[in-house]
């Protein structure tokens, strides 16, 4: 499938459809690794996204096919760190619906994120992949897009 894809900045009106795709992303990760790693509630996620977008805490780009169906999205937020030498962007979620993968949708979303980051004066973009080796293809995608492994592992503690 070689669809005519458009990328646009998400608005509050896109929140529900993006939240649906977040659920698809999290479900895919959990099914692949066999661990209930996330709690997902569609209504709460939709409300949270609306809040993040409204307060400009989150920046989201959404991809649509020629029929205006949402086929993927990429989310960004601004981070700050001394090691990064200034502000930078973090990609917490990137998802392309399976039937649209290998059609440059992910490439176009990442390209949009890079352009957006440059416009904000960010020094870099960072991303964490889902667990390896199950998501080796995801790692390979990011490496093709110019990302380099910077070491370490993502850790969390629930507060």
C-alpha atoms as a PDB file:
ATOM      1  CA  UNK A   1       0.000   0.000   0.000  1.00  0.00           C
ATOM      2  CA  UNK A   2       1.437   3.333  -1.013  1.00  0.00           C
ATOM      3  CA  UNK A   3      -1.014   5.811   0.430  1.00  0.00           C
ATOM      4  CA  UNK A   4      -1.074   9.587   0.031  1.00  0.00           C
ATOM      5  CA  UNK A   5      -0.310  10.611   3.611  1.00  0.00           C
ATOM      6  CA  UNK A   6      -0.620  14.078   5.104  1.00  0.00           C
ATOM      7  CA  UNK A   7       1.024  15.147   8.359  1.00  0.00           C
ATOM      8  CA  UNK A   8      -0.409  17.950  10.463  1.00  0.00           C
ATOM      9  CA  UNK A   9      -0.075  19.378  13.924  1.00  0.00           C
ATOM     10  CA  UNK A  10      -2.677  17.752  16.152  1.00  0.00           C
ATOM     11  CA  UNK A  11      -5.438  19.862  17.635  1.00  0.00           C
ATOM     12  CA  UNK A  12      -7.674  19.272  20.634  1.00  0.00           C
ATOM     13  CA  UNK A  13     -10.191  17.758  18.225  1.00  0.00           C
ATOM     14  CA  UNK A  14      -7.720  14.990  17.364  1.00  0.00           C
ATOM     15  CA  UNK A  15      -7.310  13.936  21.000  1.00  0.00           C
ATOM     16  CA  UNK A  16      -9.716  10.999  20.985  1.00  0.00           C
ATOM     17  CA  UNK A  17      -8.293   9.416  17.822  1.00  0.00           C
ATOM     18  CA  UNK A  18      -4.729   9.855  19.077  1.00  0.00           C
ATOM     19  CA  UNK A  19      -5.703   8.308  22.420  1.00  0.00           C
ATOM     20  CA  UNK A  20      -7.175   5.330  20.549  1.00  0.00           C
ATOM     21  CA  UNK A  21      -3.817   4.877  18.799  1.00  0.00           C
ATOM     22  CA  UNK A  22      -1.999   5.171  22.140  1.00  0.00           C
ATOM     23  CA  UNK A  23      -4.114   2.236  23.311  1.00  0.00           C
ATOM     24  CA  UNK A  24      -3.172   0.297  20.171  1.00  0.00           C
ATOM     25  CA  UNK A  25       0.515   1.064  20.747  1.00  0.00           C
ATOM     26  CA  UNK A  26       0.477  -0.006  24.391  1.00  0.00           C
ATOM     27  CA  UNK A  27      -1.505  -3.141  23.579  1.00  0.00           C
ATOM     28  CA  UNK A  28       0.978  -4.085  20.858  1.00  0.00           C
ATOM     29  CA  UNK A  29       3.915  -3.634  23.226  1.00  0.00           C
ATOM     30  CA  UNK A  30       2.283  -5.671  26.003  1.00  0.00           C
ATOM     31  CA  UNK A  31       1.193  -8.448  23.628  1.00  0.00           C
ATOM     32  CA  UNK A  32       4.697  -8.668  22.209  1.00  0.00           C
ATOM     33  CA  UNK A  33       6.535  -8.767  25.546  1.00  0.00           C
ATOM     34  CA  UNK A  34       3.874 -10.748  27.399  1.00  0.00           C
ATOM     35  CA  UNK A  35       3.790  -8.352  30.360  1.00  0.00           C
ATOM     36  CA  UNK A  36       0.983  -6.057  31.570  1.00  0.00           C
ATOM     37  CA  UNK A  37       3.376  -3.076  31.608  1.00  0.00           C
ATOM     38  CA  UNK A  38       0.824  -0.288  31.205  1.00  0.00           C
ATOM     39  CA  UNK A  39      -2.586   0.704  32.506  1.00  0.00           C
ATOM     40  CA  UNK A  40      -4.709   2.279  29.794  1.00  0.00           C
ATOM     41  CA  UNK A  41      -8.029   4.048  30.040  1.00  0.00           C
ATOM     42  CA  UNK A  42      -9.262   5.678  26.828  1.00  0.00           C
ATOM     43  CA  UNK A  43     -11.236   8.464  28.494  1.00  0.00           C
ATOM     44  CA  UNK A  44      -8.438   9.353  30.924  1.00  0.00           C
ATOM     45  CA  UNK A  45      -5.843   9.283  28.140  1.00  0.00           C
ATOM     46  CA  UNK A  46      -8.012  11.514  25.940  1.00  0.00           C
ATOM     47  CA  UNK A  47      -8.511  14.005  28.788  1.00  0.00           C
ATOM     48  CA  UNK A  48      -4.802  13.941  29.666  1.00  0.00           C
ATOM     49  CA  UNK A  49      -3.824  14.576  26.053  1.00  0.00           C
ATOM     50  CA  UNK A  50      -6.257  17.485  25.789  1.00  0.00           C
ATOM     51  CA  UNK A  51      -4.756  18.971  28.933  1.00  0.00           C
ATOM     52  CA  UNK A  52      -1.176  18.493  27.692  1.00  0.00           C
ATOM     53  CA  UNK A  53      -1.992  20.041  24.313  1.00  0.00           C
ATOM     54  CA  UNK A  54      -3.916  22.908  25.856  1.00  0.00           C
ATOM     55  CA  UNK A  55      -1.011  23.775  28.171  1.00  0.00           C
ATOM     56  CA  UNK A  56       1.531  23.230  25.342  1.00  0.00           C
ATOM     57  CA  UNK A  57       3.282  20.542  27.399  1.00  0.00           C
ATOM     58  CA  UNK A  58       3.000  18.114  24.490  1.00  0.00           C
ATOM     59  CA  UNK A  59       3.331  18.551  20.761  1.00  0.00           C
ATOM     60  CA  UNK A  60       1.755  15.929  18.519  1.00  0.00           C
ATOM     61  CA  UNK A  61       1.866  15.347  14.789  1.00  0.00           C
ATOM     62  CA  UNK A  62      -0.810  13.129  13.272  1.00  0.00           C
ATOM     63  CA  UNK A  63      -0.734  11.333   9.929  1.00  0.00           C
ATOM     64  CA  UNK A  64      -3.890  10.834   7.847  1.00  0.00           C
ATOM     65  CA  UNK A  65      -4.443   8.869   4.654  1.00  0.00           C
ATOM     66  CA  UNK A  66      -6.295  10.301   1.661  1.00  0.00           C
ATOM     67  CA  UNK A  67      -9.584   9.197   3.237  1.00  0.00           C
ATOM     68  CA  UNK A  68      -8.769  11.295   6.336  1.00  0.00           C
ATOM     69  CA  UNK A  69      -8.264   8.156   8.466  1.00  0.00           C
ATOM     70  CA  UNK A  70      -5.683   8.649  11.221  1.00  0.00           C
ATOM     71  CA  UNK A  71      -2.844   6.236  10.478  1.00  0.00           C
ATOM     72  CA  UNK A  72      -0.147   7.285  12.955  1.00  0.00           C
ATOM     73  CA  UNK A  73       1.162   9.912  15.305  1.00  0.00           C
ATOM     74  CA  UNK A  74       4.299  11.174  16.993  1.00  0.00           C
ATOM     75  CA  UNK A  75       4.351  12.991  20.340  1.00  0.00           C
ATOM     76  CA  UNK A  76       7.093  15.273  21.645  1.00  0.00           C
ATOM     77  CA  UNK A  77       7.819  17.206  24.774  1.00  0.00           C
ATOM     78  CA  UNK A  78      10.557  19.663  25.636  1.00  0.00           C
ATOM     79  CA  UNK A  79      13.253  18.549  28.042  1.00  0.00           C
ATOM     80  CA  UNK A  80      16.209  20.307  29.617  1.00  0.00           C
ATOM     81  CA  UNK A  81      19.511  18.859  30.753  1.00  0.00           C
ATOM     82  CA  UNK A  82      23.029  20.011  31.337  1.00  0.00           C
ATOM     83  CA  UNK A  83      24.457  16.975  29.523  1.00  0.00           C
ATOM     84  CA  UNK A  84      22.419  17.883  26.432  1.00  0.00           C
ATOM     85  CA  UNK A  85      23.848  21.416  26.434  1.00  0.00           C
ATOM     86  CA  UNK A  86      20.399  23.049  26.451  1.00  0.00           C
ATOM     87  CA  UNK A  87      16.802  22.235  25.595  1.00  0.00           C
ATOM     88  CA  UNK A  88      15.972  19.156  23.561  1.00  0.00           C
ATOM     89  CA  UNK A  89      12.990  17.112  22.495  1.00  0.00           C
ATOM     90  CA  UNK A  90      11.916  13.723  23.746  1.00  0.00           C
ATOM     91  CA  UNK A  91       9.696  11.400  21.732  1.00  0.00           C
ATOM     92  CA  UNK A  92       7.586   9.427  24.224  1.00  0.00           C
ATOM     93  CA  UNK A  93       5.307   7.876  21.606  1.00  0.00           C
ATOM     94  CA  UNK A  94       5.516   7.130  17.917  1.00  0.00           C
ATOM     95  CA  UNK A  95       2.973   4.798  16.389  1.00  0.00           C
ATOM     96  CA  UNK A  96       1.997   3.832  12.873  1.00  0.00           C
ATOM     97  CA  UNK A  97      -0.927   1.482  12.374  1.00  0.00           C
ATOM     98  CA  UNK A  98       0.398  -1.876  11.096  1.00  0.00           C
ATOM     99  CA  UNK A  99      -1.187  -1.713   7.646  1.00  0.00           C
ATOM    100  CA  UNK A 100       0.616   1.602   6.994  1.00  0.00           C
ATOM    101  CA  UNK A 101       4.093   0.542   8.108  1.00  0.00           C
ATOM    102  CA  UNK A 102       6.881   0.443   5.514  1.00  0.00           C
ATOM    103  CA  UNK A 103       5.191   3.313   3.656  1.00  0.00           C
ATOM    104  CA  UNK A 104       7.402   6.139   4.995  1.00  0.00           C
ATOM    105  CA  UNK A 105       4.783   7.282   7.516  1.00  0.00           C
ATOM    106  CA  UNK A 106       7.204   6.905  10.436  1.00  0.00           C
ATOM    107  CA  UNK A 107       9.959   8.578   8.427  1.00  0.00           C
ATOM    108  CA  UNK A 108       7.684  11.534   7.657  1.00  0.00           C
ATOM    109  CA  UNK A 109       6.575  11.872  11.289  1.00  0.00           C
ATOM    110  CA  UNK A 110      10.201  11.832  12.492  1.00  0.00           C
ATOM    111  CA  UNK A 111      11.154  14.353   9.799  1.00  0.00           C
ATOM    112  CA  UNK A 112       8.378  16.639  11.038  1.00  0.00           C
ATOM    113  CA  UNK A 113       9.648  16.233  14.607  1.00  0.00           C
ATOM    114  CA  UNK A 114      13.188  17.142  13.525  1.00  0.00           C
ATOM    115  CA  UNK A 115      11.966  20.275  11.733  1.00  0.00           C
ATOM    116  CA  UNK A 116       9.857  21.255  14.729  1.00  0.00           C
ATOM    117  CA  UNK A 117      12.819  20.744  17.069  1.00  0.00           C
ATOM    118  CA  UNK A 118      15.066  22.903  14.917  1.00  0.00           C
ATOM    119  CA  UNK A 119      12.414  25.648  14.904  1.00  0.00           C
ATOM    120  CA  UNK A 120      12.427  25.588  18.733  1.00  0.00           C
ATOM    121  CA  UNK A 121      16.214  25.675  18.954  1.00  0.00           C
ATOM    122  CA  UNK A 122      16.517  22.168  20.380  1.00  0.00           C
ATOM    123  CA  UNK A 123      19.945  20.590  20.309  1.00  0.00           C
ATOM    124  CA  UNK A 124      18.702  17.025  19.769  1.00  0.00           C
ATOM    125  CA  UNK A 125      15.857  14.531  19.920  1.00  0.00           C
ATOM    126  CA  UNK A 126      15.877  11.535  22.225  1.00  0.00           C
ATOM    127  CA  UNK A 127      13.722   8.415  22.168  1.00  0.00           C
ATOM    128  CA  UNK A 128      13.493   5.177  24.134  1.00  0.00           C
ATOM    129  CA  UNK A 129      12.527   2.009  22.303  1.00  0.00           C
ATOM    130  CA  UNK A 130      10.303  -0.700  23.743  1.00  0.00           C
ATOM    131  CA  UNK A 131      12.135  -3.757  25.124  1.00  0.00           C
ATOM    132  CA  UNK A 132      14.650  -5.545  22.968  1.00  0.00           C
ATOM    133  CA  UNK A 133      15.058  -8.045  21.320  1.00  0.00           C
ATOM    134  CA  UNK A 134      11.316  -8.083  20.619  1.00  0.00           C
ATOM    135  CA  UNK A 135      11.525  -4.594  19.121  1.00  0.00           C
ATOM    136  CA  UNK A 136      14.768  -4.882  17.135  1.00  0.00           C
ATOM    137  CA  UNK A 137      12.911  -3.560  14.073  1.00  0.00           C
ATOM    138  CA  UNK A 138      11.981  -0.442  16.016  1.00  0.00           C
ATOM    139  CA  UNK A 139      15.615   0.131  16.964  1.00  0.00           C
ATOM    140  CA  UNK A 140      16.675  -0.394  13.339  1.00  0.00           C
ATOM    141  CA  UNK A 141      14.080   2.181  12.206  1.00  0.00           C
ATOM    142  CA  UNK A 142      15.438   4.831  14.576  1.00  0.00           C
ATOM    143  CA  UNK A 143      19.018   4.080  13.586  1.00  0.00           C
ATOM    144  CA  UNK A 144      18.064   4.530   9.900  1.00  0.00           C
ATOM    145  CA  UNK A 145      16.633   7.926  10.876  1.00  0.00           C
ATOM    146  CA  UNK A 146      19.977   9.010  12.361  1.00  0.00           C
ATOM    147  CA  UNK A 147      19.446   8.173  16.041  1.00  0.00           C
ATOM    148  CA  UNK A 148      22.416   6.626  17.844  1.00  0.00           C
ATOM    149  CA  UNK A 149      22.415   4.498  20.964  1.00  0.00           C
ATOM    150  CA  UNK A 150      23.525   6.737  23.801  1.00  0.00           C
ATOM    151  CA  UNK A 151      23.862   4.076  26.466  1.00  0.00           C
ATOM    152  CA  UNK A 152      21.982   3.150  29.563  1.00  0.00           C
ATOM    153  CA  UNK A 153      18.486   1.821  30.077  1.00  0.00           C
ATOM    154  CA  UNK A 154      15.250   3.567  30.854  1.00  0.00           C
ATOM    155  CA  UNK A 155      14.264   3.016  34.488  1.00  0.00           C
ATOM    156  CA  UNK A 156      11.267   4.173  36.512  1.00  0.00           C
ATOM    157  CA  UNK A 157       9.934   4.287  40.033  1.00  0.00           C
ATOM    158  CA  UNK A 158       6.257   4.818  40.739  1.00  0.00           C
ATOM    159  CA  UNK A 159       5.556   7.756  43.065  1.00  0.00           C
END
